Amino acid sequence: NPEAAVSYSIRSSSRKKEEELKAQMV
């Protein structure tokens, strides 16, 4: 297989913690 993709839902009631999660994923 030459291509693959995955999707995630991120939910957060804290903008700060959401940015921390996104930074870790990146």
mmCIF file of all heavy atoms, coordinates in Angstrom:
data_MODEL
# 
_entry.id   MODEL 
# 
loop_
_atom_site.group_PDB 
_atom_site.id 
_atom_site.type_symbol 
_atom_site.label_atom_id 
_atom_site.label_alt_id 
_atom_site.label_comp_id 
_atom_site.label_asym_id 
_atom_site.label_entity_id 
_atom_site.label_seq_id 
_atom_site.pdbx_PDB_ins_code 
_atom_site.Cartn_x 
_atom_site.Cartn_y 
_atom_site.Cartn_z 
_atom_site.occupancy 
_atom_site.B_iso_or_equiv 
_atom_site.pdbx_formal_charge 
_atom_site.auth_seq_id 
_atom_site.auth_comp_id 
_atom_site.auth_asym_id 
_atom_site.auth_atom_id 
_atom_site.pdbx_PDB_model_num 
ATOM 1   N N   . ASN A 1 1  ? 0.825   -1.220 0.000  1.00 0.00 ? 1  ASN A N   1 
ATOM 2   C CA  . ASN A 1 1  ? 0.000   0.000  0.000  1.00 0.00 ? 1  ASN A CA  1 
ATOM 3   C C   . ASN A 1 1  ? 0.857   1.266  0.000  1.00 0.00 ? 1  ASN A C   1 
ATOM 4   O O   . ASN A 1 1  ? 1.680   1.464  0.891  1.00 0.00 ? 1  ASN A O   1 
ATOM 5   C CB  . ASN A 1 1  ? -0.917  0.035  1.219  1.00 0.00 ? 1  ASN A CB  1 
ATOM 6   C CG  . ASN A 1 1  ? -1.974  -1.046 1.161  1.00 0.00 ? 1  ASN A CG  1 
ATOM 7   O OD1 . ASN A 1 1  ? -2.790  -1.067 0.252  1.00 0.00 ? 1  ASN A OD1 1 
ATOM 8   N ND2 . ASN A 1 1  ? -1.935  -1.961 2.122  1.00 0.00 ? 1  ASN A ND2 1 
ATOM 9   N N   . PRO A 1 2  ? 0.636   2.145  -0.986 1.00 0.00 ? 2  PRO A N   1 
ATOM 10  C CA  . PRO A 1 2  ? 1.431   3.378  -1.050 1.00 0.00 ? 2  PRO A CA  1 
ATOM 11  C C   . PRO A 1 2  ? 0.884   4.511  -0.196 1.00 0.00 ? 2  PRO A C   1 
ATOM 12  O O   . PRO A 1 2  ? 1.595   5.480  0.068  1.00 0.00 ? 2  PRO A O   1 
ATOM 13  C CB  . PRO A 1 2  ? 1.358   3.747  -2.532 1.00 0.00 ? 2  PRO A CB  1 
ATOM 14  C CG  . PRO A 1 2  ? 0.024   3.223  -2.969 1.00 0.00 ? 2  PRO A CG  1 
ATOM 15  C CD  . PRO A 1 2  ? -0.215  1.967  -2.177 1.00 0.00 ? 2  PRO A CD  1 
ATOM 16  N N   . GLU A 1 3  ? -0.396  4.414  0.225  1.00 0.00 ? 3  GLU A N   1 
ATOM 17  C CA  . GLU A 1 3  ? -1.015  5.505  0.989  1.00 0.00 ? 3  GLU A CA  1 
ATOM 18  C C   . GLU A 1 3  ? -1.840  4.956  2.150  1.00 0.00 ? 3  GLU A C   1 
ATOM 19  O O   . GLU A 1 3  ? -2.447  3.880  2.053  1.00 0.00 ? 3  GLU A O   1 
ATOM 20  C CB  . GLU A 1 3  ? -1.918  6.362  0.093  1.00 0.00 ? 3  GLU A CB  1 
ATOM 21  C CG  . GLU A 1 3  ? -1.185  7.103  -0.990 1.00 0.00 ? 3  GLU A CG  1 
ATOM 22  C CD  . GLU A 1 3  ? -2.101  7.998  -1.815 1.00 0.00 ? 3  GLU A CD  1 
ATOM 23  O OE1 . GLU A 1 3  ? -3.344  7.955  -1.589 1.00 0.00 ? 3  GLU A OE1 1 
ATOM 24  O OE2 . GLU A 1 3  ? -1.583  8.743  -2.667 1.00 0.00 ? 3  GLU A OE2 1 
ATOM 25  N N   . ALA A 1 4  ? -1.859  5.739  3.221  1.00 0.00 ? 4  ALA A N   1 
ATOM 26  C CA  . ALA A 1 4  ? -2.697  5.401  4.385  1.00 0.00 ? 4  ALA A CA  1 
ATOM 27  C C   . ALA A 1 4  ? -3.019  6.687  5.133  1.00 0.00 ? 4  ALA A C   1 
ATOM 28  O O   . ALA A 1 4  ? -2.286  7.679  5.039  1.00 0.00 ? 4  ALA A O   1 
ATOM 29  C CB  . ALA A 1 4  ? -1.978  4.428  5.305  1.00 0.00 ? 4  ALA A CB  1 
ATOM 30  N N   . ALA A 1 5  ? -4.145  6.683  5.833  1.00 0.00 ? 5  ALA A N   1 
ATOM 31  C CA  . ALA A 1 5  ? -4.559  7.877  6.594  1.00 0.00 ? 5  ALA A CA  1 
ATOM 32  C C   . ALA A 1 5  ? -5.290  7.455  7.854  1.00 0.00 ? 5  ALA A C   1 
ATOM 33  O O   . ALA A 1 5  ? -5.875  6.364  7.927  1.00 0.00 ? 5  ALA A O   1 
ATOM 34  C CB  . ALA A 1 5  ? -5.450  8.767  5.735  1.00 0.00 ? 5  ALA A CB  1 
ATOM 35  N N   . VAL A 1 6  ? -5.255  8.339  8.826  1.00 0.00 ? 6  VAL A N   1 
ATOM 36  C CA  . VAL A 1 6  ? -5.968  8.099  10.082 1.00 0.00 ? 6  VAL A CA  1 
ATOM 37  C C   . VAL A 1 6  ? -6.545  9.430  10.566 1.00 0.00 ? 6  VAL A C   1 
ATOM 38  O O   . VAL A 1 6  ? -5.956  10.493 10.339 1.00 0.00 ? 6  VAL A O   1 
ATOM 39  C CB  . VAL A 1 6  ? -5.039  7.484  11.158 1.00 0.00 ? 6  VAL A CB  1 
ATOM 40  C CG1 . VAL A 1 6  ? -3.892  8.416  11.492 1.00 0.00 ? 6  VAL A CG1 1 
ATOM 41  C CG2 . VAL A 1 6  ? -5.815  7.119  12.428 1.00 0.00 ? 6  VAL A CG2 1 
ATOM 42  N N   . SER A 1 7  ? -7.720  9.374  11.211 1.00 0.00 ? 7  SER A N   1 
ATOM 43  C CA  . SER A 1 7  ? -8.334  10.587 11.761 1.00 0.00 ? 7  SER A CA  1 
ATOM 44  C C   . SER A 1 7  ? -8.527  10.439 13.263 1.00 0.00 ? 7  SER A C   1 
ATOM 45  O O   . SER A 1 7  ? -8.765  9.340  13.763 1.00 0.00 ? 7  SER A O   1 
ATOM 46  C CB  . SER A 1 7  ? -9.687  10.850 11.086 1.00 0.00 ? 7  SER A CB  1 
ATOM 47  O OG  . SER A 1 7  ? -10.589 9.783  11.342 1.00 0.00 ? 7  SER A OG  1 
ATOM 48  N N   . TYR A 1 8  ? -8.426  11.557 13.956 1.00 0.00 ? 8  TYR A N   1 
ATOM 49  C CA  . TYR A 1 8  ? -8.625  11.612 15.402 1.00 0.00 ? 8  TYR A CA  1 
ATOM 50  C C   . TYR A 1 8  ? -9.573  12.760 15.743 1.00 0.00 ? 8  TYR A C   1 
ATOM 51  O O   . TYR A 1 8  ? -9.571  13.805 15.063 1.00 0.00 ? 8  TYR A O   1 
ATOM 52  C CB  . TYR A 1 8  ? -7.302  11.879 16.129 1.00 0.00 ? 8  TYR A CB  1 
ATOM 53  C CG  . TYR A 1 8  ? -6.367  10.704 16.246 1.00 0.00 ? 8  TYR A CG  1 
ATOM 54  C CD1 . TYR A 1 8  ? -5.457  10.414 15.235 1.00 0.00 ? 8  TYR A CD1 1 
ATOM 55  C CD2 . TYR A 1 8  ? -6.375  9.897  17.384 1.00 0.00 ? 8  TYR A CD2 1 
ATOM 56  C CE1 . TYR A 1 8  ? -4.581  9.339  15.336 1.00 0.00 ? 8  TYR A CE1 1 
ATOM 57  C CE2 . TYR A 1 8  ? -5.497  8.817  17.497 1.00 0.00 ? 8  TYR A CE2 1 
ATOM 58  C CZ  . TYR A 1 8  ? -4.617  8.545  16.479 1.00 0.00 ? 8  TYR A CZ  1 
ATOM 59  O OH  . TYR A 1 8  ? -3.743  7.476  16.590 1.00 0.00 ? 8  TYR A OH  1 
ATOM 60  N N   . SER A 1 9  ? -10.347 12.564 16.783 1.00 0.00 ? 9  SER A N   1 
ATOM 61  C CA  . SER A 1 9  ? -11.094 13.690 17.345 1.00 0.00 ? 9  SER A CA  1 
ATOM 62  C C   . SER A 1 9  ? -10.389 14.139 18.614 1.00 0.00 ? 9  SER A C   1 
ATOM 63  O O   . SER A 1 9  ? -10.018 13.320 19.459 1.00 0.00 ? 9  SER A O   1 
ATOM 64  C CB  . SER A 1 9  ? -12.542 13.300 17.668 1.00 0.00 ? 9  SER A CB  1 
ATOM 65  O OG  . SER A 1 9  ? -12.591 12.355 18.723 1.00 0.00 ? 9  SER A OG  1 
ATOM 66  N N   . ILE A 1 10 ? -10.181 15.441 18.702 1.00 0.00 ? 10 ILE A N   1 
ATOM 67  C CA  . ILE A 1 10 ? -9.593  16.042 19.909 1.00 0.00 ? 10 ILE A CA  1 
ATOM 68  C C   . ILE A 1 10 ? -10.682 16.873 20.565 1.00 0.00 ? 10 ILE A C   1 
ATOM 69  O O   . ILE A 1 10 ? -11.323 17.697 19.914 1.00 0.00 ? 10 ILE A O   1 
ATOM 70  C CB  . ILE A 1 10 ? -8.389  16.930 19.553 1.00 0.00 ? 10 ILE A CB  1 
ATOM 71  C CG1 . ILE A 1 10 ? -7.255  16.069 18.982 1.00 0.00 ? 10 ILE A CG1 1 
ATOM 72  C CG2 . ILE A 1 10 ? -7.910  17.724 20.766 1.00 0.00 ? 10 ILE A CG2 1 
ATOM 73  C CD1 . ILE A 1 10 ? -6.098  16.884 18.439 1.00 0.00 ? 10 ILE A CD1 1 
ATOM 74  N N   . ARG A 1 11 ? -10.912 16.639 21.840 1.00 0.00 ? 11 ARG A N   1 
ATOM 75  C CA  . ARG A 1 11 ? -11.904 17.406 22.597 1.00 0.00 ? 11 ARG A CA  1 
ATOM 76  C C   . ARG A 1 11 ? -11.239 17.979 23.842 1.00 0.00 ? 11 ARG A C   1 
ATOM 77  O O   . ARG A 1 11 ? -10.484 17.273 24.518 1.00 0.00 ? 11 ARG A O   1 
ATOM 78  C CB  . ARG A 1 11 ? -13.094 16.528 23.006 1.00 0.00 ? 11 ARG A CB  1 
ATOM 79  C CG  . ARG A 1 11 ? -13.874 15.963 21.823 1.00 0.00 ? 11 ARG A CG  1 
ATOM 80  C CD  . ARG A 1 11 ? -15.073 15.147 22.284 1.00 0.00 ? 11 ARG A CD  1 
ATOM 81  N NE  . ARG A 1 11 ? -15.763 14.521 21.181 1.00 0.00 ? 11 ARG A NE  1 
ATOM 82  C CZ  . ARG A 1 11 ? -16.720 15.089 20.458 1.00 0.00 ? 11 ARG A CZ  1 
ATOM 83  N NH1 . ARG A 1 11 ? -17.091 16.326 20.736 1.00 0.00 ? 11 ARG A NH1 1 
ATOM 84  N NH2 . ARG A 1 11 ? -17.304 14.438 19.470 1.00 0.00 ? 11 ARG A NH2 1 
ATOM 85  N N   . SER A 1 12 ? -11.540 19.241 24.136 1.00 0.00 ? 12 SER A N   1 
ATOM 86  C CA  . SER A 1 12 ? -10.932 19.861 25.313 1.00 0.00 ? 12 SER A CA  1 
ATOM 87  C C   . SER A 1 12 ? -11.714 21.088 25.746 1.00 0.00 ? 12 SER A C   1 
ATOM 88  O O   . SER A 1 12 ? -12.126 21.894 24.919 1.00 0.00 ? 12 SER A O   1 
ATOM 89  C CB  . SER A 1 12 ? -9.481  20.258 25.022 1.00 0.00 ? 12 SER A CB  1 
ATOM 90  O OG  . SER A 1 12 ? -8.891  20.816 26.182 1.00 0.00 ? 12 SER A OG  1 
ATOM 91  N N   . SER A 1 13 ? -11.910 21.210 27.048 1.00 0.00 ? 13 SER A N   1 
ATOM 92  C CA  . SER A 1 13 ? -12.520 22.428 27.593 1.00 0.00 ? 13 SER A CA  1 
ATOM 93  C C   . SER A 1 13 ? -11.447 23.395 28.083 1.00 0.00 ? 13 SER A C   1 
ATOM 94  O O   . SER A 1 13 ? -11.745 24.373 28.757 1.00 0.00 ? 13 SER A O   1 
ATOM 95  C CB  . SER A 1 13 ? -13.494 22.088 28.727 1.00 0.00 ? 13 SER A CB  1 
ATOM 96  O OG  . SER A 1 13 ? -12.875 21.289 29.706 1.00 0.00 ? 13 SER A OG  1 
ATOM 97  N N   . SER A 1 14 ? -10.201 23.113 27.740 1.00 0.00 ? 14 SER A N   1 
ATOM 98  C CA  . SER A 1 14 ? -9.078  23.992 28.055 1.00 0.00 ? 14 SER A CA  1 
ATOM 99  C C   . SER A 1 14 ? -8.248  24.197 26.793 1.00 0.00 ? 14 SER A C   1 
ATOM 100 O O   . SER A 1 14 ? -7.685  23.242 26.247 1.00 0.00 ? 14 SER A O   1 
ATOM 101 C CB  . SER A 1 14 ? -8.199  23.386 29.150 1.00 0.00 ? 14 SER A CB  1 
ATOM 102 O OG  . SER A 1 14 ? -6.940  24.039 29.214 1.00 0.00 ? 14 SER A OG  1 
ATOM 103 N N   . ARG A 1 15 ? -8.185  25.421 26.333 1.00 0.00 ? 15 ARG A N   1 
ATOM 104 C CA  . ARG A 1 15 ? -7.386  25.724 25.141 1.00 0.00 ? 15 ARG A CA  1 
ATOM 105 C C   . ARG A 1 15 ? -5.917  25.372 25.390 1.00 0.00 ? 15 ARG A C   1 
ATOM 106 O O   . ARG A 1 15 ? -5.238  24.829 24.507 1.00 0.00 ? 15 ARG A O   1 
ATOM 107 C CB  . ARG A 1 15 ? -7.536  27.206 24.795 1.00 0.00 ? 15 ARG A CB  1 
ATOM 108 C CG  . ARG A 1 15 ? -6.738  27.655 23.601 1.00 0.00 ? 15 ARG A CG  1 
ATOM 109 C CD  . ARG A 1 15 ? -7.311  27.181 22.288 1.00 0.00 ? 15 ARG A CD  1 
ATOM 110 N NE  . ARG A 1 15 ? -8.501  27.897 21.908 1.00 0.00 ? 15 ARG A NE  1 
ATOM 111 C CZ  . ARG A 1 15 ? -9.171  27.650 20.788 1.00 0.00 ? 15 ARG A CZ  1 
ATOM 112 N NH1 . ARG A 1 15 ? -8.756  26.697 19.966 1.00 0.00 ? 15 ARG A NH1 1 
ATOM 113 N NH2 . ARG A 1 15 ? -10.264 28.340 20.487 1.00 0.00 ? 15 ARG A NH2 1 
ATOM 114 N N   . LYS A 1 16 ? -5.421  25.661 26.586 1.00 0.00 ? 16 LYS A N   1 
ATOM 115 C CA  . LYS A 1 16 ? -4.018  25.388 26.916 1.00 0.00 ? 16 LYS A CA  1 
ATOM 116 C C   . LYS A 1 16 ? -3.702  23.902 26.806 1.00 0.00 ? 16 LYS A C   1 
ATOM 117 O O   . LYS A 1 16 ? -2.693  23.509 26.200 1.00 0.00 ? 16 LYS A O   1 
ATOM 118 C CB  . LYS A 1 16 ? -3.711  25.888 28.331 1.00 0.00 ? 16 LYS A CB  1 
ATOM 119 C CG  . LYS A 1 16 ? -2.276  25.628 28.771 1.00 0.00 ? 16 LYS A CG  1 
ATOM 120 C CD  . LYS A 1 16 ? -2.055  26.102 30.205 1.00 0.00 ? 16 LYS A CD  1 
ATOM 121 C CE  . LYS A 1 16 ? -0.635  25.756 30.665 1.00 0.00 ? 16 LYS A CE  1 
ATOM 122 N NZ  . LYS A 1 16 ? -0.406  26.155 32.081 1.00 0.00 ? 16 LYS A NZ  1 
ATOM 123 N N   . LYS A 1 17 ? -4.567  23.065 27.383 1.00 0.00 ? 17 LYS A N   1 
ATOM 124 C CA  . LYS A 1 17 ? -4.314  21.624 27.361 1.00 0.00 ? 17 LYS A CA  1 
ATOM 125 C C   . LYS A 1 17 ? -4.490  21.054 25.957 1.00 0.00 ? 17 LYS A C   1 
ATOM 126 O O   . LYS A 1 17 ? -3.792  20.101 25.566 1.00 0.00 ? 17 LYS A O   1 
ATOM 127 C CB  . LYS A 1 17 ? -5.229  20.916 28.355 1.00 0.00 ? 17 LYS A CB  1 
ATOM 128 C CG  . LYS A 1 17 ? -4.884  21.192 29.809 1.00 0.00 ? 17 LYS A CG  1 
ATOM 129 C CD  . LYS A 1 17 ? -3.470  20.717 30.138 1.00 0.00 ? 17 LYS A CD  1 
ATOM 130 C CE  . LYS A 1 17 ? -3.067  21.040 31.555 1.00 0.00 ? 17 LYS A CE  1 
ATOM 131 N NZ  . LYS A 1 17 ? -1.679  20.629 31.859 1.00 0.00 ? 17 LYS A NZ  1 
ATOM 132 N N   . GLU A 1 18 ? -5.406  21.625 25.190 1.00 0.00 ? 18 GLU A N   1 
ATOM 133 C CA  . GLU A 1 18 ? -5.557  21.176 23.802 1.00 0.00 ? 18 GLU A CA  1 
ATOM 134 C C   . GLU A 1 18 ? -4.289  21.459 23.003 1.00 0.00 ? 18 GLU A C   1 
ATOM 135 O O   . GLU A 1 18 ? -3.825  20.616 22.225 1.00 0.00 ? 18 GLU A O   1 
ATOM 136 C CB  . GLU A 1 18 ? -6.747  21.861 23.134 1.00 0.00 ? 18 GLU A CB  1 
ATOM 137 C CG  . GLU A 1 18 ? -6.909  21.466 21.670 1.00 0.00 ? 18 GLU A CG  1 
ATOM 138 C CD  . GLU A 1 18 ? -8.175  21.992 21.025 1.00 0.00 ? 18 GLU A CD  1 
ATOM 139 O OE1 . GLU A 1 18 ? -9.138  22.311 21.758 1.00 0.00 ? 18 GLU A OE1 1 
ATOM 140 O OE2 . GLU A 1 18 ? -8.206  22.073 19.788 1.00 0.00 ? 18 GLU A OE2 1 
ATOM 141 N N   . GLU A 1 19 ? -3.710  22.624 23.221 1.00 0.00 ? 19 GLU A N   1 
ATOM 142 C CA  . GLU A 1 19 ? -2.481  22.971 22.498 1.00 0.00 ? 19 GLU A CA  1 
ATOM 143 C C   . GLU A 1 19 ? -1.334  22.063 22.920 1.00 0.00 ? 19 GLU A C   1 
ATOM 144 O O   . GLU A 1 19 ? -0.478  21.702 22.096 1.00 0.00 ? 19 GLU A O   1 
ATOM 145 C CB  . GLU A 1 19 ? -2.127  24.441 22.734 1.00 0.00 ? 19 GLU A CB  1 
ATOM 146 C CG  . GLU A 1 19 ? -3.097  25.418 22.081 1.00 0.00 ? 19 GLU A CG  1 
ATOM 147 C CD  . GLU A 1 19 ? -3.252  25.195 20.586 1.00 0.00 ? 19 GLU A CD  1 
ATOM 148 O OE1 . GLU A 1 19 ? -2.236  24.951 19.902 1.00 0.00 ? 19 GLU A OE1 1 
ATOM 149 O OE2 . GLU A 1 19 ? -4.409  25.251 20.097 1.00 0.00 ? 19 GLU A OE2 1 
ATOM 150 N N   . GLU A 1 20 ? -1.312  21.676 24.205 1.00 0.00 ? 20 GLU A N   1 
ATOM 151 C CA  . GLU A 1 20 ? -0.279  20.744 24.669 1.00 0.00 ? 20 GLU A CA  1 
ATOM 152 C C   . GLU A 1 20 ? -0.422  19.392 23.981 1.00 0.00 ? 20 GLU A C   1 
ATOM 153 O O   . GLU A 1 20 ? 0.578   18.770 23.568 1.00 0.00 ? 20 GLU A O   1 
ATOM 154 C CB  . GLU A 1 20 ? -0.371  20.566 26.187 1.00 0.00 ? 20 GLU A CB  1 
ATOM 155 C CG  . GLU A 1 20 ? 0.099   21.766 26.983 1.00 0.00 ? 20 GLU A CG  1 
ATOM 156 C CD  . GLU A 1 20 ? -0.018  21.551 28.488 1.00 0.00 ? 20 GLU A CD  1 
ATOM 157 O OE1 . GLU A 1 20 ? -0.240  20.387 28.914 1.00 0.00 ? 20 GLU A OE1 1 
ATOM 158 O OE2 . GLU A 1 20 ? 0.096   22.536 29.243 1.00 0.00 ? 20 GLU A OE2 1 
ATOM 159 N N   . LEU A 1 21 ? -1.667  18.912 23.864 1.00 0.00 ? 21 LEU A N   1 
ATOM 160 C CA  . LEU A 1 21 ? -1.919  17.635 23.194 1.00 0.00 ? 21 LEU A CA  1 
ATOM 161 C C   . LEU A 1 21 ? -1.521  17.701 21.722 1.00 0.00 ? 21 LEU A C   1 
ATOM 162 O O   . LEU A 1 21 ? -0.839  16.805 21.208 1.00 0.00 ? 21 LEU A O   1 
ATOM 163 C CB  . LEU A 1 21 ? -3.404  17.273 23.324 1.00 0.00 ? 21 LEU A CB  1 
ATOM 164 C CG  . LEU A 1 21 ? -3.901  16.087 22.493 1.00 0.00 ? 21 LEU A CG  1 
ATOM 165 C CD1 . LEU A 1 21 ? -3.125  14.821 22.808 1.00 0.00 ? 21 LEU A CD1 1 
ATOM 166 C CD2 . LEU A 1 21 ? -5.397  15.874 22.722 1.00 0.00 ? 21 LEU A CD2 1 
ATOM 167 N N   . LYS A 1 22 ? -1.909  18.763 21.058 1.00 0.00 ? 22 LYS A N   1 
ATOM 168 C CA  . LYS A 1 22 ? -1.576  18.913 19.637 1.00 0.00 ? 22 LYS A CA  1 
ATOM 169 C C   . LYS A 1 22 ? -0.060  18.978 19.433 1.00 0.00 ? 22 LYS A C   1 
ATOM 170 O O   . LYS A 1 22 ? 0.482   18.378 18.489 1.00 0.00 ? 22 LYS A O   1 
ATOM 171 C CB  . LYS A 1 22 ? -2.260  20.155 19.064 1.00 0.00 ? 22 LYS A CB  1 
ATOM 172 C CG  . LYS A 1 22 ? -3.760  19.988 18.896 1.00 0.00 ? 22 LYS A CG  1 
ATOM 173 C CD  . LYS A 1 22 ? -4.493  21.306 18.779 1.00 0.00 ? 22 LYS A CD  1 
ATOM 174 C CE  . LYS A 1 22 ? -4.186  22.067 17.536 1.00 0.00 ? 22 LYS A CE  1 
ATOM 175 N NZ  . LYS A 1 22 ? -4.996  23.315 17.436 1.00 0.00 ? 22 LYS A NZ  1 
ATOM 176 N N   . ALA A 1 23 ? 0.610   19.687 20.323 1.00 0.00 ? 23 ALA A N   1 
ATOM 177 C CA  . ALA A 1 23 ? 2.070   19.797 20.218 1.00 0.00 ? 23 ALA A CA  1 
ATOM 178 C C   . ALA A 1 23 ? 2.732   18.426 20.380 1.00 0.00 ? 23 ALA A C   1 
ATOM 179 O O   . ALA A 1 23 ? 3.707   18.101 19.678 1.00 0.00 ? 23 ALA A O   1 
ATOM 180 C CB  . ALA A 1 23 ? 2.605   20.768 21.270 1.00 0.00 ? 23 ALA A CB  1 
ATOM 181 N N   . GLN A 1 24 ? 2.202   17.613 21.294 1.00 0.00 ? 24 GLN A N   1 
ATOM 182 C CA  . GLN A 1 24 ? 2.752   16.270 21.493 1.00 0.00 ? 24 GLN A CA  1 
ATOM 183 C C   . GLN A 1 24 ? 2.536   15.410 20.244 1.00 0.00 ? 24 GLN A C   1 
ATOM 184 O O   . GLN A 1 24 ? 3.442   14.693 19.811 1.00 0.00 ? 24 GLN A O   1 
ATOM 185 C CB  . GLN A 1 24 ? 2.086   15.596 22.694 1.00 0.00 ? 24 GLN A CB  1 
ATOM 186 C CG  . GLN A 1 24 ? 2.676   14.235 23.029 1.00 0.00 ? 24 GLN A CG  1 
ATOM 187 C CD  . GLN A 1 24 ? 2.003   13.584 24.217 1.00 0.00 ? 24 GLN A CD  1 
ATOM 188 O OE1 . GLN A 1 24 ? 1.379   12.540 24.096 1.00 0.00 ? 24 GLN A OE1 1 
ATOM 189 N NE2 . GLN A 1 24 ? 2.119   14.209 25.381 1.00 0.00 ? 24 GLN A NE2 1 
ATOM 190 N N   . MET A 1 25 ? 1.341   15.524 19.655 1.00 0.00 ? 25 MET A N   1 
ATOM 191 C CA  . MET A 1 25 ? 1.051   14.746 18.448 1.00 0.00 ? 25 MET A CA  1 
ATOM 192 C C   . MET A 1 25 ? 1.963   15.172 17.291 1.00 0.00 ? 25 MET A C   1 
ATOM 193 O O   . MET A 1 25 ? 2.491   14.333 16.558 1.00 0.00 ? 25 MET A O   1 
ATOM 194 C CB  . MET A 1 25 ? -0.419  14.897 18.059 1.00 0.00 ? 25 MET A CB  1 
ATOM 195 C CG  . MET A 1 25 ? -1.380  14.286 19.063 1.00 0.00 ? 25 MET A CG  1 
ATOM 196 S SD  . MET A 1 25 ? -3.126  14.542 18.630 1.00 0.00 ? 25 MET A SD  1 
ATOM 197 C CE  . MET A 1 25 ? -3.311  13.381 17.264 1.00 0.00 ? 25 MET A CE  1 
ATOM 198 N N   . VAL A 1 26 ? 2.147   16.474 17.143 1.00 0.00 ? 26 VAL A N   1 
ATOM 199 C CA  . VAL A 1 26 ? 3.023   16.991 16.087 1.00 0.00 ? 26 VAL A CA  1 
ATOM 200 C C   . VAL A 1 26 ? 4.453   16.484 16.286 1.00 0.00 ? 26 VAL A C   1 
ATOM 201 O O   . VAL A 1 26 ? 5.119   16.066 15.327 1.00 0.00 ? 26 VAL A O   1 
ATOM 202 C CB  . VAL A 1 26 ? 2.999   18.534 16.064 1.00 0.00 ? 26 VAL A CB  1 
ATOM 203 C CG1 . VAL A 1 26 ? 4.130   19.076 15.191 1.00 0.00 ? 26 VAL A CG1 1 
ATOM 204 C CG2 . VAL A 1 26 ? 1.655   19.031 15.547 1.00 0.00 ? 26 VAL A CG2 1 
# 
